[in-house]
Structure formats: structure tokens, C-alpha cells
């Protein structure tokens, strides 16, 4: 199997196109919290531009990471399988990170902005590097970016049709 306890594929009923559309919709569009406040806070043109830009700046790198990890660890389970770590170590790491971020916030807005800018640059650098290195080597017929590919009926067909339905649905419903 692999490193996690995902157990691979389960015998029994598989998820079809409609099931994947429903699951995918609520994964990416549980609703945009703060849409109304966002429209009142800034000029509507800027808000609508950001609603179009953010998915490519934020969501696309995450989708590419999921695609890469799904092919590297072809086992159901997603993040739990990809990052084997004991609960104790995960708790210590979380507590340390929350403490560090709280300390930086207490130092003032200027320090928080500088830290967040540095954090954004450090976070995006590997994604940009890996996309630049990996894009020429991409083999679309071998990748299925989904953490539950083993649970789908005809995974490639189901995933592609679901994305074809989900992309316009989420795009239209996100711009109320």
C-alpha cells in the first residue's frame, strides 16, 4: 500500500460524475464568506478583477500541488497519506506556529505586513520553481489530480466531465 492507512481502493459502489460534481462543488465553493462586505469595501471593478485573479494565484498552485502529490502517492487519503506525522508532533508544530504568528502580530502592523510579505514570497517561490521546471515534462495522460481517484467510476472520464461541469458552475455562482 503506501505510507498511510488509507487502505487503497474499497470494493463496492464507486462515485460517478454527479457524486464527484457534488463533492467537488462543496470542496471549492462552500460559499464565499464576506462577499457582500468585500463589494462594499472596494470599488466593484477591483473586486471583480480580484475574483478572477485569485483563483489563478491561490487555487491553481494548490491544484498543481495536489496533482503532483496524487501521482507521487497513488493512494486514497490525500494529506494524511502525503504527510505522515504523529498527532503529538502535529500538535507541537501547530502550537509553535500559532505562538510565533501571535508574537509577530503583537509587534505591530508594520512588522506583520513585512512578515506576511516575506511569507508570501517564500511560499510562492517553490511553486513557481516547480511549475517552471515541471511544465515541459508534463504528461497529461498520466496525471489525475484527485485525492479519491480510487473511489471513482472510470476515474479519468468522471474527473474530466466533473471539472467541465464544476468550472463554469463555480465561476458563475462565485460572482453573485
N, C-alpha and C. Protein backbone atom coordinates (compact mmCIF):
# COMPACT_ATOMS: atom_id res chain seq x y z
N UNK A 1 0.83 -1.18 0.00
CA UNK A 1 0.00 0.00 0.00
C UNK A 1 0.87 1.25 0.00
N UNK A 2 0.99 1.94 0.97
CA UNK A 2 1.81 3.15 0.99
C UNK A 2 2.12 3.48 2.42
N UNK A 3 2.39 4.73 2.65
CA UNK A 3 2.76 5.15 3.99
C UNK A 3 1.56 5.34 4.89
N UNK A 4 0.40 5.68 4.33
CA UNK A 4 -0.74 5.99 5.17
C UNK A 4 -1.62 4.78 5.42
N UNK A 5 -2.68 5.05 6.10
CA UNK A 5 -3.62 3.97 6.41
C UNK A 5 -4.87 4.12 5.58
N UNK A 6 -4.74 4.74 4.39
CA UNK A 6 -5.89 4.94 3.53
C UNK A 6 -6.48 3.64 3.05
N UNK A 7 -5.65 2.61 2.93
CA UNK A 7 -6.16 1.30 2.58
C UNK A 7 -6.41 1.08 1.11
N UNK A 8 -6.02 2.04 0.27
CA UNK A 8 -6.22 1.83 -1.16
C UNK A 8 -7.67 1.94 -1.54
N UNK A 9 -8.05 1.25 -2.61
CA UNK A 9 -9.43 1.34 -3.07
C UNK A 9 -10.31 0.38 -2.29
N UNK A 10 -11.55 0.78 -2.13
CA UNK A 10 -12.53 -0.01 -1.41
C UNK A 10 -13.40 -0.75 -2.40
N UNK A 11 -13.69 -2.02 -2.13
CA UNK A 11 -14.65 -2.68 -3.00
C UNK A 11 -16.05 -2.12 -2.74
N UNK A 12 -16.89 -2.16 -3.74
CA UNK A 12 -18.25 -1.67 -3.54
C UNK A 12 -18.57 -0.56 -4.52
N UNK A 13 -19.57 0.24 -4.16
CA UNK A 13 -20.04 1.28 -5.05
C UNK A 13 -19.02 2.40 -5.21
N UNK A 14 -18.84 2.83 -6.45
CA UNK A 14 -17.91 3.90 -6.77
C UNK A 14 -18.68 5.20 -7.00
N UNK A 15 -17.97 6.31 -6.92
CA UNK A 15 -18.57 7.63 -7.13
C UNK A 15 -18.62 7.92 -8.63
N UNK A 16 -19.78 8.34 -9.10
CA UNK A 16 -19.95 8.69 -10.51
C UNK A 16 -19.77 10.18 -10.73
N UNK A 17 -20.13 10.64 -11.92
CA UNK A 17 -19.96 12.04 -12.29
C UNK A 17 -20.74 12.96 -11.36
N UNK A 18 -22.03 12.67 -11.15
CA UNK A 18 -22.84 13.55 -10.31
C UNK A 18 -22.29 13.61 -8.88
N UNK A 19 -21.89 12.48 -8.33
CA UNK A 19 -21.31 12.47 -6.98
C UNK A 19 -20.04 13.30 -6.91
N UNK A 20 -19.20 13.20 -7.94
CA UNK A 20 -17.96 13.98 -7.96
C UNK A 20 -18.25 15.47 -8.10
N UNK A 21 -19.28 15.82 -8.88
CA UNK A 21 -19.67 17.23 -9.02
C UNK A 21 -20.12 17.78 -7.66
N UNK A 22 -20.93 17.02 -6.93
CA UNK A 22 -21.41 17.48 -5.63
C UNK A 22 -20.25 17.62 -4.64
N UNK A 23 -19.40 16.61 -4.56
CA UNK A 23 -18.26 16.65 -3.66
C UNK A 23 -17.33 17.80 -4.05
N UNK A 24 -17.01 17.91 -5.32
CA UNK A 24 -16.12 18.97 -5.79
C UNK A 24 -16.68 20.35 -5.56
N UNK A 25 -18.00 20.51 -5.74
CA UNK A 25 -18.63 21.82 -5.53
C UNK A 25 -18.44 22.28 -4.10
N UNK A 26 -18.67 21.39 -3.15
CA UNK A 26 -18.56 21.81 -1.76
C UNK A 26 -17.12 21.85 -1.27
N UNK A 27 -16.20 21.21 -2.00
CA UNK A 27 -14.78 21.37 -1.68
C UNK A 27 -14.31 22.78 -2.01
N UNK A 28 -14.75 23.30 -3.16
CA UNK A 28 -14.22 24.58 -3.62
C UNK A 28 -15.20 25.73 -3.49
N UNK A 29 -16.46 25.46 -3.23
CA UNK A 29 -17.44 26.54 -3.20
C UNK A 29 -18.43 26.35 -2.08
N UNK A 30 -17.95 26.28 -0.87
CA UNK A 30 -18.86 26.21 0.26
C UNK A 30 -19.55 27.54 0.44
N UNK A 31 -19.22 28.49 -0.38
CA UNK A 31 -19.76 29.83 -0.31
C UNK A 31 -18.63 30.79 0.02
N UNK A 32 -18.64 31.93 -0.61
CA UNK A 32 -17.60 32.92 -0.33
C UNK A 32 -18.06 33.74 0.87
N UNK A 33 -17.39 33.54 1.97
CA UNK A 33 -17.72 34.29 3.18
C UNK A 33 -17.22 35.71 3.01
N UNK A 34 -18.07 36.67 3.19
CA UNK A 34 -17.65 38.06 3.12
C UNK A 34 -17.79 38.70 1.75
N UNK A 35 -18.52 38.06 0.84
CA UNK A 35 -18.71 38.63 -0.49
C UNK A 35 -19.33 40.02 -0.43
N UNK A 36 -20.38 40.18 0.37
CA UNK A 36 -21.07 41.46 0.46
C UNK A 36 -20.15 42.53 1.04
N UNK A 37 -19.42 42.18 2.10
CA UNK A 37 -18.51 43.14 2.72
C UNK A 37 -17.40 43.52 1.75
N UNK A 38 -16.95 42.56 0.97
CA UNK A 38 -15.89 42.83 0.01
C UNK A 38 -16.37 43.83 -1.05
N UNK A 39 -17.58 43.66 -1.52
CA UNK A 39 -18.12 44.56 -2.54
C UNK A 39 -18.33 45.97 -1.99
N UNK A 40 -18.67 46.07 -0.71
CA UNK A 40 -18.86 47.40 -0.12
C UNK A 40 -17.53 48.06 0.25
N UNK A 41 -16.48 47.27 0.46
CA UNK A 41 -15.20 47.82 0.91
C UNK A 41 -14.37 48.41 -0.21
N UNK A 42 -14.54 47.94 -1.41
CA UNK A 42 -13.69 48.42 -2.50
C UNK A 42 -14.50 48.72 -3.74
N UNK A 43 -13.85 49.34 -4.71
CA UNK A 43 -14.54 49.59 -5.98
C UNK A 43 -14.93 48.27 -6.64
N UNK A 44 -16.16 48.17 -7.11
CA UNK A 44 -16.65 46.90 -7.68
C UNK A 44 -15.76 46.34 -8.79
N UNK A 45 -15.19 47.19 -9.63
CA UNK A 45 -14.33 46.70 -10.71
C UNK A 45 -13.13 45.96 -10.14
N UNK A 46 -12.49 46.52 -9.11
CA UNK A 46 -11.34 45.86 -8.49
C UNK A 46 -11.74 44.54 -7.84
N UNK A 47 -12.89 44.54 -7.20
CA UNK A 47 -13.36 43.31 -6.55
C UNK A 47 -13.58 42.22 -7.59
N UNK A 48 -14.23 42.55 -8.69
CA UNK A 48 -14.49 41.54 -9.72
C UNK A 48 -13.20 41.08 -10.39
N UNK A 49 -12.25 41.99 -10.57
CA UNK A 49 -10.95 41.59 -11.12
C UNK A 49 -10.27 40.61 -10.16
N UNK A 50 -10.30 40.92 -8.87
CA UNK A 50 -9.67 40.02 -7.88
C UNK A 50 -10.39 38.67 -7.83
N UNK A 51 -11.71 38.66 -7.99
CA UNK A 51 -12.43 37.39 -8.01
C UNK A 51 -11.99 36.53 -9.20
N UNK A 52 -11.51 37.16 -10.25
CA UNK A 52 -10.99 36.41 -11.39
C UNK A 52 -9.53 36.04 -11.26
N UNK A 53 -8.75 36.87 -10.55
CA UNK A 53 -7.30 36.65 -10.43
C UNK A 53 -6.96 35.67 -9.31
N UNK A 54 -7.62 35.78 -8.18
CA UNK A 54 -7.28 34.97 -7.01
C UNK A 54 -7.32 33.47 -7.29
N UNK A 55 -8.30 32.94 -8.04
CA UNK A 55 -8.25 31.50 -8.31
C UNK A 55 -6.98 31.05 -9.01
N UNK A 56 -6.42 31.89 -9.85
CA UNK A 56 -5.20 31.52 -10.55
C UNK A 56 -3.95 31.69 -9.69
N UNK A 57 -3.98 32.68 -8.80
CA UNK A 57 -2.81 32.93 -7.95
C UNK A 57 -2.81 32.02 -6.72
N UNK A 58 -3.98 31.72 -6.20
CA UNK A 58 -4.08 30.91 -4.97
C UNK A 58 -4.47 29.47 -5.25
N UNK A 59 -5.54 29.27 -5.99
CA UNK A 59 -6.08 27.93 -6.18
C UNK A 59 -5.28 27.09 -7.17
N UNK A 60 -4.78 27.70 -8.23
CA UNK A 60 -4.03 26.94 -9.22
C UNK A 60 -2.77 26.30 -8.63
N UNK A 61 -1.97 27.04 -7.84
CA UNK A 61 -0.81 26.36 -7.22
C UNK A 61 -1.22 25.19 -6.32
N UNK A 62 -2.31 25.35 -5.59
CA UNK A 62 -2.77 24.25 -4.73
C UNK A 62 -3.20 23.06 -5.59
N UNK A 63 -3.91 23.32 -6.68
CA UNK A 63 -4.32 22.23 -7.57
C UNK A 63 -3.12 21.52 -8.16
N UNK A 64 -2.08 22.28 -8.53
CA UNK A 64 -0.88 21.66 -9.09
C UNK A 64 -0.14 20.82 -8.04
N UNK A 65 -0.13 21.30 -6.80
CA UNK A 65 0.49 20.53 -5.71
C UNK A 65 -0.27 19.23 -5.49
N UNK A 66 -1.61 19.32 -5.47
CA UNK A 66 -2.43 18.12 -5.29
C UNK A 66 -2.21 17.14 -6.43
N UNK A 67 -2.11 17.66 -7.66
CA UNK A 67 -1.86 16.79 -8.81
C UNK A 67 -0.53 16.08 -8.67
N UNK A 68 0.51 16.80 -8.28
CA UNK A 68 1.83 16.21 -8.14
C UNK A 68 1.85 15.15 -7.04
N UNK A 69 1.28 15.49 -5.89
CA UNK A 69 1.29 14.55 -4.77
C UNK A 69 0.40 13.34 -5.03
N UNK A 70 -0.70 13.54 -5.77
CA UNK A 70 -1.59 12.42 -6.09
C UNK A 70 -0.91 11.40 -6.98
N UNK A 71 -0.04 11.88 -7.87
CA UNK A 71 0.67 10.94 -8.73
C UNK A 71 1.88 10.33 -8.02
N UNK A 72 2.46 11.07 -7.09
CA UNK A 72 3.62 10.55 -6.35
C UNK A 72 3.19 9.49 -5.32
N UNK A 73 2.02 9.69 -4.72
CA UNK A 73 1.50 8.75 -3.72
C UNK A 73 0.10 8.31 -4.17
N UNK A 74 0.00 7.35 -5.10
CA UNK A 74 -1.31 6.98 -5.65
C UNK A 74 -2.12 6.11 -4.68
N UNK A 75 -2.53 6.72 -3.59
CA UNK A 75 -3.31 6.01 -2.59
C UNK A 75 -4.39 6.96 -2.08
N UNK A 76 -5.58 6.46 -1.81
CA UNK A 76 -6.65 7.30 -1.29
C UNK A 76 -6.26 7.81 0.10
N UNK A 77 -6.61 9.05 0.39
CA UNK A 77 -6.34 9.60 1.72
C UNK A 77 -5.85 11.02 1.70
N UNK A 78 -5.30 11.47 0.60
CA UNK A 78 -4.87 12.85 0.49
C UNK A 78 -3.77 13.23 1.46
N UNK A 79 -3.95 14.35 2.14
CA UNK A 79 -2.92 14.92 3.00
C UNK A 79 -2.46 13.97 4.10
N UNK A 80 -3.36 13.17 4.60
CA UNK A 80 -3.00 12.23 5.67
C UNK A 80 -1.95 11.24 5.18
N UNK A 81 -2.05 10.82 3.94
CA UNK A 81 -1.09 9.87 3.37
C UNK A 81 0.20 10.59 2.97
N UNK A 82 0.07 11.81 2.47
CA UNK A 82 1.22 12.53 1.95
C UNK A 82 2.17 13.00 3.04
N UNK A 83 1.65 13.33 4.21
CA UNK A 83 2.48 13.87 5.29
C UNK A 83 2.31 13.00 6.53
N UNK A 84 3.06 11.90 6.58
CA UNK A 84 2.94 11.05 7.77
C UNK A 84 3.58 11.74 8.97
N UNK A 85 2.79 12.01 10.00
CA UNK A 85 3.30 12.70 11.18
C UNK A 85 2.43 12.30 12.36
N UNK A 86 3.04 12.08 13.48
CA UNK A 86 2.25 11.71 14.65
C UNK A 86 1.41 12.90 15.11
N UNK A 87 0.32 12.61 15.76
CA UNK A 87 -0.56 13.67 16.26
C UNK A 87 0.17 14.57 17.26
N UNK A 88 1.04 14.00 18.05
CA UNK A 88 1.79 14.79 19.04
C UNK A 88 2.67 15.82 18.34
N UNK A 89 3.43 15.38 17.32
CA UNK A 89 4.30 16.31 16.60
C UNK A 89 3.47 17.35 15.86
N UNK A 90 2.33 16.95 15.31
CA UNK A 90 1.46 17.90 14.61
C UNK A 90 0.95 18.95 15.59
N UNK A 91 0.59 18.53 16.79
CA UNK A 91 0.11 19.47 17.81
C UNK A 91 1.20 20.44 18.26
N UNK A 92 2.41 19.93 18.46
CA UNK A 92 3.53 20.79 18.86
C UNK A 92 3.82 21.81 17.77
N UNK A 93 3.86 21.36 16.51
CA UNK A 93 4.14 22.26 15.39
C UNK A 93 3.06 23.33 15.27
N UNK A 94 1.80 22.94 15.39
CA UNK A 94 0.69 23.89 15.30
C UNK A 94 0.77 24.93 16.40
N UNK A 95 1.03 24.48 17.62
CA UNK A 95 1.13 25.39 18.76
C UNK A 95 2.28 26.37 18.58
N UNK A 96 3.42 25.87 18.10
CA UNK A 96 4.58 26.74 17.88
C UNK A 96 4.28 27.79 16.81
N UNK A 97 3.63 27.38 15.74
CA UNK A 97 3.32 28.32 14.66
C UNK A 97 2.32 29.38 15.11
N UNK A 98 1.31 28.97 15.86
CA UNK A 98 0.33 29.94 16.37
C UNK A 98 1.01 30.92 17.30
N UNK A 99 1.90 30.44 18.16
CA UNK A 99 2.64 31.32 19.07
C UNK A 99 3.51 32.30 18.32
N UNK A 100 4.21 31.84 17.29
CA UNK A 100 5.09 32.71 16.51
C UNK A 100 4.29 33.79 15.80
N UNK A 101 3.19 33.41 15.16
CA UNK A 101 2.37 34.39 14.43
C UNK A 101 1.75 35.38 15.40
N UNK A 102 1.31 34.93 16.57
CA UNK A 102 0.74 35.83 17.57
C UNK A 102 1.80 36.84 18.02
N UNK A 103 3.02 36.36 18.27
CA UNK A 103 4.11 37.25 18.67
C UNK A 103 4.40 38.31 17.62
N UNK A 104 4.41 37.91 16.36
CA UNK A 104 4.66 38.88 15.28
C UNK A 104 3.53 39.89 15.19
N UNK A 105 2.29 39.44 15.36
CA UNK A 105 1.16 40.37 15.33
C UNK A 105 1.23 41.37 16.47
N UNK A 106 1.73 40.95 17.63
CA UNK A 106 1.83 41.85 18.78
C UNK A 106 2.92 42.91 18.57
N UNK A 107 3.86 42.67 17.68
CA UNK A 107 4.92 43.64 17.40
C UNK A 107 4.42 44.83 16.57
N UNK A 108 3.24 44.71 16.02
CA UNK A 108 2.65 45.84 15.29
C UNK A 108 2.32 45.50 13.85
N UNK A 109 1.52 46.37 13.26
CA UNK A 109 1.04 46.16 11.90
C UNK A 109 2.18 46.17 10.89
N UNK A 110 3.13 47.07 11.07
CA UNK A 110 4.25 47.16 10.13
C UNK A 110 5.03 45.85 10.08
N UNK A 111 5.33 45.30 11.25
CA UNK A 111 6.08 44.04 11.31
C UNK A 111 5.25 42.89 10.73
N UNK A 112 3.94 42.91 11.00
CA UNK A 112 3.06 41.87 10.49
C UNK A 112 3.03 41.90 8.96
N UNK A 113 2.95 43.11 8.37
CA UNK A 113 2.92 43.24 6.91
C UNK A 113 4.23 42.75 6.31
N UNK A 114 5.36 43.11 6.92
CA UNK A 114 6.66 42.65 6.41
C UNK A 114 6.77 41.13 6.49
N UNK A 115 6.33 40.57 7.62
CA UNK A 115 6.39 39.12 7.78
C UNK A 115 5.50 38.41 6.77
N UNK A 116 4.28 38.92 6.58
CA UNK A 116 3.36 38.30 5.62
C UNK A 116 3.87 38.41 4.19
N UNK A 117 4.54 39.51 3.86
CA UNK A 117 5.13 39.66 2.53
C UNK A 117 6.24 38.64 2.34
N UNK A 118 7.10 38.51 3.33
CA UNK A 118 8.16 37.51 3.27
C UNK A 118 7.58 36.10 3.16
N UNK A 119 6.57 35.83 3.98
CA UNK A 119 5.93 34.51 3.97
C UNK A 119 5.30 34.21 2.61
N UNK A 120 4.67 35.20 1.99
CA UNK A 120 4.06 35.01 0.67
C UNK A 120 5.13 34.70 -0.37
N UNK A 121 6.24 35.44 -0.33
CA UNK A 121 7.32 35.21 -1.30
C UNK A 121 7.93 33.83 -1.11
N UNK A 122 8.18 33.45 0.15
CA UNK A 122 8.77 32.14 0.43
C UNK A 122 7.80 31.02 0.05
N UNK A 123 6.51 31.24 0.28
CA UNK A 123 5.51 30.22 -0.05
C UNK A 123 5.34 30.03 -1.55
N UNK A 124 5.38 31.12 -2.29
CA UNK A 124 5.15 31.03 -3.74
C UNK A 124 6.39 30.61 -4.52
N UNK A 125 7.58 30.87 -3.99
CA UNK A 125 8.82 30.57 -4.72
C UNK A 125 8.92 29.11 -5.15
N UNK A 126 8.70 28.13 -4.25
CA UNK A 126 8.80 26.73 -4.70
C UNK A 126 7.76 26.38 -5.77
N UNK A 127 6.56 26.94 -5.65
CA UNK A 127 5.52 26.66 -6.63
C UNK A 127 5.94 27.18 -8.00
N UNK A 128 6.43 28.40 -8.05
CA UNK A 128 6.88 28.97 -9.32
C UNK A 128 8.03 28.15 -9.89
N UNK A 129 8.98 27.79 -9.02
CA UNK A 129 10.13 27.00 -9.47
C UNK A 129 9.70 25.64 -10.01
N UNK A 130 8.85 24.92 -9.26
CA UNK A 130 8.42 23.59 -9.68
C UNK A 130 7.56 23.64 -10.94
N UNK A 131 6.73 24.66 -11.08
CA UNK A 131 5.93 24.79 -12.31
C UNK A 131 6.85 25.05 -13.49
N UNK A 132 7.83 25.92 -13.31
CA UNK A 132 8.76 26.23 -14.40
C UNK A 132 9.57 25.00 -14.80
N UNK A 133 10.00 24.21 -13.82
CA UNK A 133 10.79 23.01 -14.12
C UNK A 133 9.90 21.89 -14.68
N UNK A 134 8.71 21.73 -14.10
CA UNK A 134 7.86 20.60 -14.45
C UNK A 134 6.99 20.76 -15.66
N UNK A 135 6.65 21.99 -16.03
CA UNK A 135 5.73 22.20 -17.15
C UNK A 135 6.21 21.55 -18.44
N UNK A 136 7.50 21.65 -18.80
CA UNK A 136 7.93 20.98 -20.04
C UNK A 136 7.85 19.46 -19.97
N UNK A 137 7.87 18.91 -18.76
CA UNK A 137 7.85 17.45 -18.59
C UNK A 137 6.45 16.90 -18.35
N UNK A 138 5.44 17.74 -18.39
CA UNK A 138 4.08 17.34 -18.06
C UNK A 138 3.56 16.31 -19.05
N UNK A 139 2.99 15.23 -18.54
CA UNK A 139 2.36 14.20 -19.34
C UNK A 139 0.90 14.09 -18.90
N UNK A 140 0.01 14.87 -19.52
CA UNK A 140 -1.38 14.94 -19.05
C UNK A 140 -2.08 13.58 -19.00
N UNK A 141 -1.71 12.67 -19.89
CA UNK A 141 -2.40 11.37 -19.89
C UNK A 141 -2.06 10.53 -18.66
N UNK A 142 -1.01 10.89 -17.92
CA UNK A 142 -0.62 10.11 -16.74
C UNK A 142 -1.07 10.73 -15.43
N UNK A 143 -1.63 11.94 -15.44
CA UNK A 143 -1.97 12.61 -14.19
C UNK A 143 -3.47 12.67 -14.00
N UNK A 144 -3.89 12.42 -12.81
CA UNK A 144 -5.29 12.59 -12.42
C UNK A 144 -5.28 13.25 -11.05
N UNK A 145 -5.37 14.59 -11.00
CA UNK A 145 -5.25 15.31 -9.74
C UNK A 145 -6.50 15.15 -8.87
N UNK A 146 -6.56 14.10 -8.15
CA UNK A 146 -7.71 13.85 -7.29
C UNK A 146 -7.28 12.95 -6.15
N UNK A 147 -7.67 13.33 -4.92
CA UNK A 147 -7.26 12.53 -3.78
C UNK A 147 -8.12 11.29 -3.60
N UNK A 148 -9.17 11.15 -4.40
CA UNK A 148 -10.01 9.97 -4.26
C UNK A 148 -10.22 9.26 -5.59
N UNK A 149 -9.17 9.22 -6.41
CA UNK A 149 -9.27 8.59 -7.73
C UNK A 149 -9.67 7.13 -7.62
N UNK A 150 -9.23 6.44 -6.56
CA UNK A 150 -9.58 5.04 -6.38
C UNK A 150 -11.04 4.82 -6.07
N UNK A 151 -11.76 5.89 -5.72
CA UNK A 151 -13.18 5.78 -5.38
C UNK A 151 -14.10 6.13 -6.54
N UNK A 152 -13.53 6.51 -7.70
CA UNK A 152 -14.33 6.95 -8.83
C UNK A 152 -14.57 5.84 -9.85
N UNK A 153 -15.77 5.88 -10.46
CA UNK A 153 -16.04 5.03 -11.62
C UNK A 153 -15.28 5.65 -12.78
N UNK A 154 -14.55 4.88 -13.53
CA UNK A 154 -13.79 5.38 -14.68
C UNK A 154 -13.15 6.74 -14.33
N UNK A 155 -12.13 6.74 -13.49
CA UNK A 155 -11.60 7.98 -12.92
C UNK A 155 -11.30 9.09 -13.92
N UNK A 156 -10.65 8.79 -15.02
CA UNK A 156 -10.31 9.85 -15.98
C UNK A 156 -11.56 10.51 -16.55
N UNK A 157 -12.51 9.69 -17.01
CA UNK A 157 -13.74 10.21 -17.61
C UNK A 157 -14.55 11.00 -16.57
N UNK A 158 -14.73 10.41 -15.38
CA UNK A 158 -15.51 11.05 -14.33
C UNK A 158 -14.90 12.38 -13.93
N UNK A 159 -13.58 12.40 -13.75
CA UNK A 159 -12.91 13.62 -13.32
C UNK A 159 -13.02 14.71 -14.37
N UNK A 160 -12.76 14.38 -15.64
CA UNK A 160 -12.79 15.39 -16.69
C UNK A 160 -14.20 15.96 -16.90
N UNK A 161 -15.21 15.11 -16.89
CA UNK A 161 -16.59 15.60 -17.04
C UNK A 161 -16.98 16.45 -15.83
N UNK A 162 -16.58 16.02 -14.63
CA UNK A 162 -16.89 16.78 -13.42
C UNK A 162 -16.26 18.16 -13.46
N UNK A 163 -15.00 18.24 -13.88
CA UNK A 163 -14.33 19.54 -13.99
C UNK A 163 -15.03 20.41 -15.03
N UNK A 164 -15.46 19.80 -16.14
CA UNK A 164 -16.18 20.54 -17.16
C UNK A 164 -17.48 21.13 -16.66
N UNK A 165 -18.11 20.47 -15.70
CA UNK A 165 -19.35 20.98 -15.10
C UNK A 165 -19.02 21.96 -13.97
N UNK A 166 -18.03 21.61 -13.14
CA UNK A 166 -17.71 22.40 -11.96
C UNK A 166 -17.14 23.78 -12.28
N UNK A 167 -16.22 23.85 -13.24
CA UNK A 167 -15.55 25.13 -13.50
C UNK A 167 -16.54 26.23 -13.83
N UNK A 168 -17.42 26.05 -14.82
CA UNK A 168 -18.37 27.15 -15.10
C UNK A 168 -19.37 27.36 -13.96
N UNK A 169 -19.78 26.27 -13.29
CA UNK A 169 -20.75 26.41 -12.19
C UNK A 169 -20.19 27.24 -11.06
N UNK A 170 -18.98 26.92 -10.64
CA UNK A 170 -18.37 27.68 -9.55
C UNK A 170 -18.07 29.10 -9.97
N UNK A 171 -17.61 29.30 -11.19
CA UNK A 171 -17.32 30.64 -11.70
C UNK A 171 -18.58 31.49 -11.70
N UNK A 172 -19.68 30.94 -12.19
CA UNK A 172 -20.94 31.71 -12.24
C UNK A 172 -21.51 31.95 -10.85
N UNK A 173 -21.44 30.97 -9.98
CA UNK A 173 -22.04 31.11 -8.66
C UNK A 173 -21.17 31.92 -7.70
N UNK A 174 -19.89 32.09 -8.00
CA UNK A 174 -19.00 32.87 -7.15
C UNK A 174 -19.13 34.35 -7.41
N UNK A 175 -19.66 34.72 -8.54
CA UNK A 175 -19.82 36.15 -8.88
C UNK A 175 -21.29 36.48 -8.84
N UNK A 176 -21.82 36.48 -7.64
CA UNK A 176 -23.27 36.69 -7.45
C UNK A 176 -23.73 38.01 -7.98
